[in-house]
């Protein structure tokens, strides 16, 4: 898979996560600056953490400003009256867009994290590959939720981090046998399908009963 296609995937993921961050900022009543920063943080936060873990300094976000520029521009577009009117008329639009943006961004950044790790070294363990993939996928969302003073999405919502972990395992295991292209497509597909099925059927991990319920 060419560097150009990887770049396109990164741009799609950047836009998707920036939308989810900006929409969260709007829901929280932030001003344009706050919304832009939240969109930016959601879009590039996981990649920054990934690069620091892999020893890539400065992180790619600071080597090439296009990621930050696209994230901020996307957040500002979400702030426009036309987009706001669309969301205000139908809550289901908001929920559906948030689900798709989060799911697409999660899938793409999970496999991009693994691709970045392989670009640095092919000697990394499977554990590190999966960890880096998952961190890239969920890191920006965790930062978004912390900055918005929400419980991190990965700890309370249905099958979010688990989908990233499973997709990362699939991508990493297929990399050596079927090659980069197939493993990336398979990883994204697994994450996306799991997220959408989890939302439809309300899958979630088991939660222990509280003391009050006993």
Foldseek 3Di string as FASTA:
>chain_A
DDPVVLVVLLLLLLLLQLLLQLVLCVVLVHDLVNSLVSQLLLSCVLQCVLCVVLVNPPGPCVVDVPSSVSSSVSSVVCVDPVNVVVCVVDVVVVVVSSLVSLLSSLQSQLLSQLVVNVVSDPPDDLVSSLVSSLSSRQVSQQVSCVVSVHHRCVVPAACQSVQSSVLSSQLVVCCVPPHNPVSSVSSSVSSNVVSVVCVVVVHHDDDDDDPVVD
